[in-house]
Amino acid sequence: MKRMAMLAALATLGTTSACVTVSAPDKPIVINLNIKVSQEVVYRLDGQAKSLIQAQPGIF
C-alpha cells in the first residue's frame, strides 16, 4: 500500500512542471549615486629645504 502511494506521488510530481516568466519593466531603472570625493594632501618639509626655498624663492 505504501509503495502504491509513493508511486502515485512520484507520478504526480513528474506531470507537474514549474513555469517562470521574465519580462522587462515598463519604466527604465533609475540609479541615483551621490558620491563625494575629497582629497587631503599633507606634506612635511625638511628644515634645510625650507630655508633653501625661502632664500631662493625662484628655484621652482
Protein backbone atom coordinates (compact mmCIF):
# COMPACT_ATOMS: atom_id res chain seq x y z
CA MET A 1 0.00 0.00 0.00
CA LYS A 2 2.83 2.41 0.85
CA ARG A 3 4.51 1.59 -2.44
CA MET A 4 1.44 2.46 -4.44
CA ALA A 5 1.06 5.77 -2.60
CA MET A 6 4.69 6.63 -3.28
CA LEU A 7 4.35 5.70 -6.95
CA ALA A 8 1.24 7.87 -7.21
CA ALA A 9 3.06 10.78 -5.56
CA LEU A 10 6.05 10.40 -7.89
CA ALA A 11 3.78 10.20 -10.92
CA THR A 12 2.08 13.46 -9.92
CA LEU A 13 5.44 15.17 -9.43
CA GLY A 14 6.55 14.07 -12.86
CA THR A 15 3.48 15.55 -14.57
CA THR A 16 3.54 18.95 -12.90
CA SER A 17 6.08 21.44 -14.17
CA ALA A 18 7.01 24.91 -13.00
CA CYS A 19 6.98 27.81 -15.43
CA VAL A 20 8.91 31.02 -14.81
CA THR A 21 8.30 34.07 -16.96
CA VAL A 22 10.65 37.04 -17.08
CA SER A 23 9.61 40.33 -18.61
CA ALA A 24 11.23 43.75 -18.91
CA PRO A 25 9.85 46.53 -16.70
CA ASP A 26 7.68 49.25 -18.24
CA LYS A 27 9.72 52.10 -16.75
CA PRO A 28 13.51 52.45 -17.01
CA ILE A 29 15.62 51.58 -13.99
CA VAL A 30 17.00 54.70 -12.30
CA ILE A 31 20.06 54.55 -10.06
CA ASN A 32 20.92 57.66 -8.05
CA LEU A 33 24.51 57.87 -6.90
CA ASN A 34 25.60 60.65 -4.60
CA ILE A 35 29.36 60.43 -4.37
CA LYS A 36 31.57 62.87 -2.52
CA VAL A 37 35.27 62.68 -3.27
CA SER A 38 37.68 64.67 -1.18
CA GLN A 39 41.43 64.65 -1.10
CA GLU A 40 43.78 65.93 1.54
CA VAL A 41 47.47 66.45 0.89
CA VAL A 42 49.77 66.61 3.88
CA TYR A 43 53.42 67.42 3.39
CA ARG A 44 56.34 67.90 5.69
CA LEU A 45 59.38 69.82 4.60
CA ASP A 46 62.84 69.37 5.97
CA GLY A 47 64.15 72.43 7.80
CA GLN A 48 67.15 72.79 5.49
CA ALA A 49 64.99 72.51 2.37
CA LYS A 50 62.54 75.04 3.80
CA SER A 51 65.29 77.59 4.44
CA LEU A 52 66.70 76.99 0.94
CA ILE A 53 63.29 77.67 -0.64
CA GLN A 54 62.86 80.80 1.45
CA ALA A 55 66.32 82.03 0.48
CA GLN A 56 65.77 81.33 -3.24
CA PRO A 57 62.01 81.61 -3.96
CA GLY A 58 62.51 81.38 -7.74
CA ILE A 59 64.09 77.93 -7.51
CA PHE A 60 60.86 76.27 -8.56
